[in-house]
Amino acid sequence: MLKNISKLNIVRIGSYITHSSLKEIGNGILESFKGTIKEFKVSHHDSPVLDNIDAHLLTMILDEEYGGHTLGITDADLKTENEFYNSIFGGKNPKNDVAVVSTKKLSPQEITSDKEYDLFIGRTLKVSVHEVGHNFGLTDHASYKKALDGSLCPMSRGEYNKFGLRGYVRAIIDGRGLNFYDECIGFLSAIYDYKRSQTNLMKDALICPYFLYNTLGKKGQIQMAANLQGANLQGAKLEGAILQEADLEGAILEKGKP
């Protein structure tokens, strides 16, 4: 489990992503992990220009230099020794609190407009949220589970072999949003006291009862019950939600998943 979850180090390693775009990515991560991550710090790690780097080695370097909850973003290809995937979009080291993301496969074929650059930054943000989610102990969704806004949960993995590289980026990564599926919310709220506004809690009552029950205090539960009754939703229950199983150590790099 993360020791210092409230602060995230975002470290650029040789990437041409601008400082303002890194701040945009950081703010997007704060939005996804509402109240759990309260601040981020952007840094630049000087390193030789590399076409690729071992993902596990990079996490160890960043852990030694920065320590704590860290996300590294590089334009180098992240290599693994996995027999199925020799390079990955991102990974998390189970022995520390460092995750890394490669932008190499996320860029459109050409970036000649603001729209294409925004797409590139959006993809980088979505993969970053996925990898930070692993830092929190969230596991991949092999199926296509969606958040309340209709987008894929950030932890959706899908079937890489079904789409190929470009197809996977468009179908899965572009399809992800920044809001989590209700089981992920239940896990984050139970373990890390994940926060969400009461307005959204009321709207989501039938979909995420476990999260509601554990987040609202006694008065909030009474008020919620009254509101549900007033809306003729007497069938709503606050019990029986199943908490998603998740391995807190979430060895991602060892499995070589994209």
C-alpha atoms as a PDB file:
ATOM      1  CA  MET A   1       0.000   0.000   0.000  1.00  0.00           C
ATOM      2  CA  LEU A   2       1.192   3.501  -0.803  1.00  0.00           C
ATOM      3  CA  LYS A   3       2.814   5.243   2.153  1.00  0.00           C
ATOM      4  CA  ASN A   4       2.287   8.808   0.975  1.00  0.00           C
ATOM      5  CA  ILE A   5      -0.664   8.848  -1.360  1.00  0.00           C
ATOM      6  CA  SER A   6      -1.553  12.527  -1.228  1.00  0.00           C
ATOM      7  CA  LYS A   7       1.418  13.771  -3.284  1.00  0.00           C
ATOM      8  CA  LEU A   8       2.476  12.553  -6.732  1.00  0.00           C
ATOM      9  CA  ASN A   9       5.827  13.218  -8.385  1.00  0.00           C
ATOM     10  CA  ILE A  10       5.447  13.534 -12.163  1.00  0.00           C
ATOM     11  CA  VAL A  11       8.846  13.161 -13.787  1.00  0.00           C
ATOM     12  CA  ARG A  12       9.553  13.855 -17.463  1.00  0.00           C
ATOM     13  CA  ILE A  13      12.369  11.714 -18.846  1.00  0.00           C
ATOM     14  CA  GLY A  14      13.611  13.037 -22.176  1.00  0.00           C
ATOM     15  CA  SER A  15      10.081  13.664 -23.402  1.00  0.00           C
ATOM     16  CA  TYR A  16       9.193  16.626 -25.571  1.00  0.00           C
ATOM     17  CA  ILE A  17       5.905  17.098 -23.702  1.00  0.00           C
ATOM     18  CA  THR A  18       5.759  20.709 -22.533  1.00  0.00           C
ATOM     19  CA  HIS A  19       5.709  21.700 -18.872  1.00  0.00           C
ATOM     20  CA  SER A  20       2.183  23.101 -19.268  1.00  0.00           C
ATOM     21  CA  SER A  21       1.003  19.800 -20.753  1.00  0.00           C
ATOM     22  CA  LEU A  22       2.530  17.910 -17.830  1.00  0.00           C
ATOM     23  CA  LYS A  23       0.544  20.169 -15.509  1.00  0.00           C
ATOM     24  CA  GLU A  24      -2.573  19.378 -17.564  1.00  0.00           C
ATOM     25  CA  ILE A  25      -1.872  15.661 -17.098  1.00  0.00           C
ATOM     26  CA  GLY A  26      -1.338  16.222 -13.380  1.00  0.00           C
ATOM     27  CA  ASN A  27      -4.633  18.071 -13.012  1.00  0.00           C
ATOM     28  CA  GLY A  28      -6.399  15.278 -14.884  1.00  0.00           C
ATOM     29  CA  ILE A  29      -4.957  12.732 -12.455  1.00  0.00           C
ATOM     30  CA  LEU A  30      -6.136  14.843  -9.498  1.00  0.00           C
ATOM     31  CA  GLU A  31      -9.617  14.888 -11.021  1.00  0.00           C
ATOM     32  CA  SER A  32      -9.658  11.105 -11.446  1.00  0.00           C
ATOM     33  CA  PHE A  33      -8.463  10.418  -7.889  1.00  0.00           C
ATOM     34  CA  LYS A  34     -10.741  13.017  -6.316  1.00  0.00           C
ATOM     35  CA  GLY A  35      -9.270  14.096  -2.988  1.00  0.00           C
ATOM     36  CA  THR A  36      -7.031  11.027  -2.680  1.00  0.00           C
ATOM     37  CA  ILE A  37      -4.124  12.660  -4.513  1.00  0.00           C
ATOM     38  CA  LYS A  38      -4.121  16.268  -3.344  1.00  0.00           C
ATOM     39  CA  GLU A  39      -1.075  17.681  -5.118  1.00  0.00           C
ATOM     40  CA  PHE A  40       1.582  16.915  -7.693  1.00  0.00           C
ATOM     41  CA  LYS A  41       5.062  18.173  -8.484  1.00  0.00           C
ATOM     42  CA  VAL A  42       6.498  18.262 -12.008  1.00  0.00           C
ATOM     43  CA  SER A  43      10.212  17.545 -12.472  1.00  0.00           C
ATOM     44  CA  HIS A  44      12.573  16.853 -15.360  1.00  0.00           C
ATOM     45  CA  HIS A  45      15.058  13.984 -15.194  1.00  0.00           C
ATOM     46  CA  ASP A  46      18.157  14.558 -17.293  1.00  0.00           C
ATOM     47  CA  SER A  47      19.140  11.447 -19.202  1.00  0.00           C
ATOM     48  CA  PRO A  48      20.798  10.521 -22.490  1.00  0.00           C
ATOM     49  CA  VAL A  49      18.537  10.372 -25.521  1.00  0.00           C
ATOM     50  CA  LEU A  50      17.385   6.759 -25.705  1.00  0.00           C
ATOM     51  CA  ASP A  51      15.198   4.958 -28.202  1.00  0.00           C
ATOM     52  CA  ASN A  52      14.226   2.369 -25.585  1.00  0.00           C
ATOM     53  CA  ILE A  53      14.852   1.517 -21.937  1.00  0.00           C
ATOM     54  CA  ASP A  54      14.075  -1.399 -19.637  1.00  0.00           C
ATOM     55  CA  ALA A  55      10.869  -0.489 -17.813  1.00  0.00           C
ATOM     56  CA  HIS A  56      11.860  -2.176 -14.553  1.00  0.00           C
ATOM     57  CA  LEU A  57      15.241  -0.442 -14.539  1.00  0.00           C
ATOM     58  CA  LEU A  58      13.627   2.943 -15.108  1.00  0.00           C
ATOM     59  CA  THR A  59      11.298   2.504 -12.126  1.00  0.00           C
ATOM     60  CA  MET A  60      14.277   1.661  -9.932  1.00  0.00           C
ATOM     61  CA  ILE A  61      16.196   4.751 -11.102  1.00  0.00           C
ATOM     62  CA  LEU A  62      13.226   7.004 -10.397  1.00  0.00           C
ATOM     63  CA  ASP A  63      12.608   5.409  -7.016  1.00  0.00           C
ATOM     64  CA  GLU A  64      16.209   5.978  -5.982  1.00  0.00           C
ATOM     65  CA  GLU A  65      16.273   9.602  -7.133  1.00  0.00           C
ATOM     66  CA  TYR A  66      12.758  10.788  -6.258  1.00  0.00           C
ATOM     67  CA  GLY A  67      11.245   8.163  -3.952  1.00  0.00           C
ATOM     68  CA  GLY A  68       7.620   8.051  -2.895  1.00  0.00           C
ATOM     69  CA  HIS A  69       4.602   8.042  -5.180  1.00  0.00           C
ATOM     70  CA  THR A  70       6.067   8.721  -8.631  1.00  0.00           C
ATOM     71  CA  LEU A  71       4.924   8.674 -12.250  1.00  0.00           C
ATOM     72  CA  GLY A  72       7.621   8.763 -14.942  1.00  0.00           C
ATOM     73  CA  ILE A  73       6.722   9.827 -18.495  1.00  0.00           C
ATOM     74  CA  THR A  74       9.193   9.096 -21.284  1.00  0.00           C
ATOM     75  CA  ASP A  75       9.205   9.088 -25.078  1.00  0.00           C
ATOM     76  CA  ALA A  76      11.502   6.053 -25.068  1.00  0.00           C
ATOM     77  CA  ASP A  77      10.001   2.638 -25.736  1.00  0.00           C
ATOM     78  CA  LEU A  78       9.547   0.671 -22.494  1.00  0.00           C
ATOM     79  CA  LYS A  79      11.038  -2.804 -22.884  1.00  0.00           C
ATOM     80  CA  THR A  80      10.220  -5.925 -20.872  1.00  0.00           C
ATOM     81  CA  GLU A  81      11.427  -9.511 -20.852  1.00  0.00           C
ATOM     82  CA  ASN A  82       7.928 -10.908 -21.126  1.00  0.00           C
ATOM     83  CA  GLU A  83       7.524 -13.657 -23.725  1.00  0.00           C
ATOM     84  CA  PHE A  84       4.308 -12.137 -25.109  1.00  0.00           C
ATOM     85  CA  TYR A  85       5.034  -8.392 -25.008  1.00  0.00           C
ATOM     86  CA  ASN A  86       8.539  -7.039 -25.498  1.00  0.00           C
ATOM     87  CA  SER A  87       7.387  -3.433 -25.056  1.00  0.00           C
ATOM     88  CA  ILE A  88       4.555  -1.841 -23.134  1.00  0.00           C
ATOM     89  CA  PHE A  89       2.570   1.395 -22.893  1.00  0.00           C
ATOM     90  CA  GLY A  90       3.270   1.605 -19.185  1.00  0.00           C
ATOM     91  CA  GLY A  91       4.035  -0.406 -16.083  1.00  0.00           C
ATOM     92  CA  LYS A  92       4.236  -0.385 -12.315  1.00  0.00           C
ATOM     93  CA  ASN A  93       7.013  -1.864 -10.194  1.00  0.00           C
ATOM     94  CA  PRO A  94       5.414  -3.987  -7.413  1.00  0.00           C
ATOM     95  CA  LYS A  95       8.440  -3.414  -5.167  1.00  0.00           C
ATOM     96  CA  ASN A  96       8.068   0.373  -4.980  1.00  0.00           C
ATOM     97  CA  ASP A  97       5.534   3.125  -5.644  1.00  0.00           C
ATOM     98  CA  VAL A  98       6.771   4.040  -9.114  1.00  0.00           C
ATOM     99  CA  ALA A  99       4.842   3.730 -12.366  1.00  0.00           C
ATOM    100  CA  VAL A 100       6.105   4.637 -15.829  1.00  0.00           C
ATOM    101  CA  VAL A 101       4.417   5.547 -19.107  1.00  0.00           C
ATOM    102  CA  SER A 102       5.836   5.589 -22.633  1.00  0.00           C
ATOM    103  CA  THR A 103       4.431   8.054 -25.149  1.00  0.00           C
ATOM    104  CA  LYS A 104       6.153   6.360 -28.092  1.00  0.00           C
ATOM    105  CA  LYS A 105       3.074   4.462 -29.310  1.00  0.00           C
ATOM    106  CA  LEU A 106       0.520   7.091 -28.261  1.00  0.00           C
ATOM    107  CA  SER A 107       1.294   9.823 -30.764  1.00  0.00           C
ATOM    108  CA  PRO A 108      -0.782  10.198 -33.937  1.00  0.00           C
ATOM    109  CA  GLN A 109       1.229   9.426 -37.049  1.00  0.00           C
ATOM    110  CA  GLU A 110       1.793  13.168 -37.418  1.00  0.00           C
ATOM    111  CA  ILE A 111       1.263  16.057 -35.017  1.00  0.00           C
ATOM    112  CA  THR A 112       0.596  19.062 -37.230  1.00  0.00           C
ATOM    113  CA  SER A 113      -2.306  20.687 -35.387  1.00  0.00           C
ATOM    114  CA  ASP A 114      -3.496  21.537 -31.884  1.00  0.00           C
ATOM    115  CA  LYS A 115      -6.200  18.884 -32.239  1.00  0.00           C
ATOM    116  CA  GLU A 116      -3.635  16.137 -32.857  1.00  0.00           C
ATOM    117  CA  TYR A 117      -1.453  17.357 -29.988  1.00  0.00           C
ATOM    118  CA  ASP A 118      -4.468  17.421 -27.663  1.00  0.00           C
ATOM    119  CA  LEU A 119      -5.260  13.835 -28.696  1.00  0.00           C
ATOM    120  CA  PHE A 120      -1.686  12.850 -27.868  1.00  0.00           C
ATOM    121  CA  ILE A 121      -1.809  14.503 -24.420  1.00  0.00           C
ATOM    122  CA  GLY A 122      -5.222  12.976 -23.753  1.00  0.00           C
ATOM    123  CA  ARG A 123      -3.881   9.502 -24.495  1.00  0.00           C
ATOM    124  CA  THR A 124      -0.880  10.094 -22.263  1.00  0.00           C
ATOM    125  CA  LEU A 125      -3.200  11.209 -19.453  1.00  0.00           C
ATOM    126  CA  LYS A 126      -5.397   8.115 -19.817  1.00  0.00           C
ATOM    127  CA  VAL A 127      -2.454   5.705 -19.704  1.00  0.00           C
ATOM    128  CA  SER A 128      -1.060   7.672 -16.752  1.00  0.00           C
ATOM    129  CA  VAL A 129      -4.326   7.330 -14.811  1.00  0.00           C
ATOM    130  CA  HIS A 130      -4.284   3.588 -15.582  1.00  0.00           C
ATOM    131  CA  GLU A 131      -0.757   3.153 -14.234  1.00  0.00           C
ATOM    132  CA  VAL A 132      -1.347   5.334 -11.164  1.00  0.00           C
ATOM    133  CA  GLY A 133      -4.413   3.170 -10.567  1.00  0.00           C
ATOM    134  CA  HIS A 134      -2.069   0.176 -10.372  1.00  0.00           C
ATOM    135  CA  ASN A 135      -0.048   2.093  -7.788  1.00  0.00           C
ATOM    136  CA  PHE A 136      -3.221   2.184  -5.689  1.00  0.00           C
ATOM    137  CA  GLY A 137      -3.764  -1.549  -6.084  1.00  0.00           C
ATOM    138  CA  LEU A 138      -6.423  -1.466  -8.812  1.00  0.00           C
ATOM    139  CA  THR A 139      -6.276  -4.342 -11.277  1.00  0.00           C
ATOM    140  CA  ASP A 140      -7.017  -4.486 -15.005  1.00  0.00           C
ATOM    141  CA  HIS A 141     -10.514  -5.068 -16.354  1.00  0.00           C
ATOM    142  CA  ALA A 142     -10.156  -7.650 -19.096  1.00  0.00           C
ATOM    143  CA  SER A 143     -13.762  -6.921 -20.062  1.00  0.00           C
ATOM    144  CA  TYR A 144     -15.087  -3.578 -21.243  1.00  0.00           C
ATOM    145  CA  LYS A 145     -16.499  -2.131 -18.033  1.00  0.00           C
ATOM    146  CA  LYS A 146     -17.831   1.390 -18.260  1.00  0.00           C
ATOM    147  CA  ALA A 147     -18.074   4.286 -15.843  1.00  0.00           C
ATOM    148  CA  LEU A 148     -21.312   6.184 -15.263  1.00  0.00           C
ATOM    149  CA  ASP A 149     -20.510   8.652 -18.047  1.00  0.00           C
ATOM    150  CA  GLY A 150     -20.485   5.820 -20.609  1.00  0.00           C
ATOM    151  CA  SER A 151     -16.727   5.790 -21.214  1.00  0.00           C
ATOM    152  CA  LEU A 152     -14.510   2.818 -20.484  1.00  0.00           C
ATOM    153  CA  CYS A 153     -13.113   2.657 -16.972  1.00  0.00           C
ATOM    154  CA  PRO A 154      -9.461   3.838 -16.879  1.00  0.00           C
ATOM    155  CA  MET A 155      -8.525   0.316 -15.737  1.00  0.00           C
ATOM    156  CA  SER A 156     -10.012  -1.328 -18.846  1.00  0.00           C
ATOM    157  CA  ARG A 157      -7.405  -3.391 -20.641  1.00  0.00           C
ATOM    158  CA  GLY A 158      -9.366  -5.176 -23.354  1.00  0.00           C
ATOM    159  CA  GLU A 159      -7.743  -7.626 -25.750  1.00  0.00           C
ATOM    160  CA  TYR A 160      -4.556  -6.287 -27.271  1.00  0.00           C
ATOM    161  CA  ASN A 161      -4.153  -9.154 -29.738  1.00  0.00           C
ATOM    162  CA  LYS A 162      -7.664  -8.578 -31.062  1.00  0.00           C
ATOM    163  CA  PHE A 163      -6.919  -5.038 -32.248  1.00  0.00           C
ATOM    164  CA  GLY A 164      -3.208  -4.725 -32.941  1.00  0.00           C
ATOM    165  CA  LEU A 165      -1.248  -1.635 -31.921  1.00  0.00           C
ATOM    166  CA  ARG A 166      -3.101   1.186 -33.666  1.00  0.00           C
ATOM    167  CA  GLY A 167      -6.485  -0.470 -33.246  1.00  0.00           C
ATOM    168  CA  TYR A 168      -5.856  -0.965 -29.524  1.00  0.00           C
ATOM    169  CA  VAL A 169      -4.928   2.692 -29.043  1.00  0.00           C
ATOM    170  CA  ARG A 170      -8.091   3.859 -30.824  1.00  0.00           C
ATOM    171  CA  ALA A 171     -10.513   1.305 -29.362  1.00  0.00           C
ATOM    172  CA  ILE A 172      -9.289   0.980 -25.778  1.00  0.00           C
ATOM    173  CA  ILE A 173      -7.089   3.928 -24.823  1.00  0.00           C
ATOM    174  CA  ASP A 174      -9.158   6.517 -26.721  1.00  0.00           C
ATOM    175  CA  GLY A 175     -12.296   4.863 -25.325  1.00  0.00           C
ATOM    176  CA  ARG A 176     -11.228   5.276 -21.706  1.00  0.00           C
ATOM    177  CA  GLY A 177     -12.472   8.187 -19.639  1.00  0.00           C
ATOM    178  CA  LEU A 178     -11.207   9.666 -16.388  1.00  0.00           C
ATOM    179  CA  ASN A 179     -14.004   8.308 -14.175  1.00  0.00           C
ATOM    180  CA  PHE A 180     -13.781   4.864 -12.614  1.00  0.00           C
ATOM    181  CA  TYR A 181     -16.179   1.931 -12.761  1.00  0.00           C
ATOM    182  CA  ASP A 182     -18.197   1.516  -9.547  1.00  0.00           C
ATOM    183  CA  GLU A 183     -16.191  -1.489  -8.306  1.00  0.00           C
ATOM    184  CA  CYS A 184     -12.973   0.542  -8.568  1.00  0.00           C
ATOM    185  CA  ILE A 185     -14.645   3.394  -6.691  1.00  0.00           C
ATOM    186  CA  GLY A 186     -15.735   0.955  -3.992  1.00  0.00           C
ATOM    187  CA  PHE A 187     -12.184  -0.312  -3.604  1.00  0.00           C
ATOM    188  CA  LEU A 188     -10.622   3.162  -3.512  1.00  0.00           C
ATOM    189  CA  SER A 189     -13.169   4.432  -1.005  1.00  0.00           C
ATOM    190  CA  ALA A 190     -12.732   1.439   1.287  1.00  0.00           C
ATOM    191  CA  ILE A 191      -8.927   1.455   1.253  1.00  0.00           C
ATOM    192  CA  TYR A 192      -7.971   5.076   0.586  1.00  0.00           C
ATOM    193  CA  ASP A 193     -11.039   7.148   1.539  1.00  0.00           C
ATOM    194  CA  TYR A 194     -11.648   8.231  -2.057  1.00  0.00           C
ATOM    195  CA  LYS A 195     -13.969  11.250  -2.159  1.00  0.00           C
ATOM    196  CA  ARG A 196     -16.830  12.169  -4.416  1.00  0.00           C
ATOM    197  CA  SER A 197     -19.331  15.004  -4.199  1.00  0.00           C
ATOM    198  CA  GLN A 198     -22.634  14.279  -2.483  1.00  0.00           C
ATOM    199  CA  THR A 199     -24.499  15.466  -5.582  1.00  0.00           C
ATOM    200  CA  ASN A 200     -22.981  12.645  -7.599  1.00  0.00           C
ATOM    201  CA  LEU A 201     -23.499  10.231  -4.739  1.00  0.00           C
ATOM    202  CA  MET A 202     -27.235  10.831  -4.792  1.00  0.00           C
ATOM    203  CA  LYS A 203     -27.398  10.390  -8.562  1.00  0.00           C
ATOM    204  CA  ASP A 204     -25.419   7.154  -8.413  1.00  0.00           C
ATOM    205  CA  ALA A 205     -27.335   5.583  -5.522  1.00  0.00           C
ATOM    206  CA  LEU A 206     -28.689   2.571  -7.375  1.00  0.00           C
ATOM    207  CA  ILE A 207     -25.429   1.883  -9.181  1.00  0.00           C
ATOM    208  CA  CYS A 208     -22.867   2.120  -6.435  1.00  0.00           C
ATOM    209  CA  PRO A 209     -24.568   1.358  -3.064  1.00  0.00           C
ATOM    210  CA  TYR A 210     -21.412   0.059  -1.400  1.00  0.00           C
ATOM    211  CA  PHE A 211     -19.587   3.301  -2.074  1.00  0.00           C
ATOM    212  CA  LEU A 212     -22.509   5.356  -0.753  1.00  0.00           C
ATOM    213  CA  TYR A 213     -22.832   3.383   2.427  1.00  0.00           C
ATOM    214  CA  ASN A 214     -19.164   3.710   3.316  1.00  0.00           C
ATOM    215  CA  THR A 215     -18.759   7.353   2.310  1.00  0.00           C
ATOM    216  CA  LEU A 216     -21.810   9.067   3.807  1.00  0.00           C
ATOM    217  CA  GLY A 217     -22.053   9.585   7.540  1.00  0.00           C
ATOM    218  CA  LYS A 218     -25.117   8.727   9.573  1.00  0.00           C
ATOM    219  CA  LYS A 219     -26.917  11.967   8.723  1.00  0.00           C
ATOM    220  CA  GLY A 220     -26.014  11.595   5.084  1.00  0.00           C
ATOM    221  CA  GLN A 221     -27.416   8.065   4.986  1.00  0.00           C
ATOM    222  CA  ILE A 222     -30.688   9.242   6.562  1.00  0.00           C
ATOM    223  CA  GLN A 223     -30.925  12.134   4.100  1.00  0.00           C
ATOM    224  CA  MET A 224     -30.162   9.830   1.187  1.00  0.00           C
ATOM    225  CA  ALA A 225     -32.870   7.396   2.279  1.00  0.00           C
ATOM    226  CA  ALA A 226     -35.359  10.259   2.494  1.00  0.00           C
ATOM    227  CA  ASN A 227     -34.422  11.490  -0.962  1.00  0.00           C
ATOM    228  CA  LEU A 228     -34.689   8.009  -2.415  1.00  0.00           C
ATOM    229  CA  GLN A 229     -38.119   7.550  -0.871  1.00  0.00           C
ATOM    230  CA  GLY A 230     -39.251  10.926  -2.177  1.00  0.00           C
ATOM    231  CA  ALA A 231     -38.200   9.873  -5.661  1.00  0.00           C
ATOM    232  CA  ASN A 232     -40.178   6.617  -5.353  1.00  0.00           C
ATOM    233  CA  LEU A 233     -37.012   4.571  -5.407  1.00  0.00           C
ATOM    234  CA  GLN A 234     -37.977   2.344  -2.483  1.00  0.00           C
ATOM    235  CA  GLY A 235     -36.166  -0.577  -4.030  1.00  0.00           C
ATOM    236  CA  ALA A 236     -32.760   0.976  -3.467  1.00  0.00           C
ATOM    237  CA  LYS A 237     -30.538  -0.850  -0.964  1.00  0.00           C
ATOM    238  CA  LEU A 238     -27.327   0.097   0.749  1.00  0.00           C
ATOM    239  CA  GLU A 239     -26.140  -3.446   1.262  1.00  0.00           C
ATOM    240  CA  GLY A 240     -24.776  -6.398  -0.672  1.00  0.00           C
ATOM    241  CA  ALA A 241     -22.320  -4.692  -2.973  1.00  0.00           C
ATOM    242  CA  ILE A 242     -19.310  -6.869  -3.693  1.00  0.00           C
ATOM    243  CA  LEU A 243     -15.919  -5.252  -3.244  1.00  0.00           C
ATOM    244  CA  GLN A 244     -13.649  -5.890  -6.191  1.00  0.00           C
ATOM    245  CA  GLU A 245     -10.778  -8.248  -5.477  1.00  0.00           C
ATOM    246  CA  ALA A 246      -7.504  -6.492  -6.000  1.00  0.00           C
ATOM    247  CA  ASP A 247      -3.920  -7.439  -5.303  1.00  0.00           C
ATOM    248  CA  LEU A 248      -2.406  -4.533  -3.405  1.00  0.00           C
ATOM    249  CA  GLU A 249       0.981  -5.324  -4.828  1.00  0.00           C
ATOM    250  CA  GLY A 250      -0.329  -5.576  -8.428  1.00  0.00           C
ATOM    251  CA  ALA A 251       2.734  -6.902 -10.242  1.00  0.00           C
ATOM    252  CA  ILE A 252       2.253  -5.354 -13.668  1.00  0.00           C
ATOM    253  CA  LEU A 253       5.721  -5.272 -15.105  1.00  0.00           C
ATOM    254  CA  GLU A 254       6.251  -8.947 -14.372  1.00  0.00           C
ATOM    255  CA  LYS A 255       3.217  -9.822 -16.453  1.00  0.00           C
ATOM    256  CA  GLY A 256       4.147  -7.486 -19.275  1.00  0.00           C
ATOM    257  CA  LYS A 257       0.638  -6.276 -19.870  1.00  0.00           C
ATOM    258  CA  PRO A 258       0.210  -3.237 -22.142  1.00  0.00           C
END
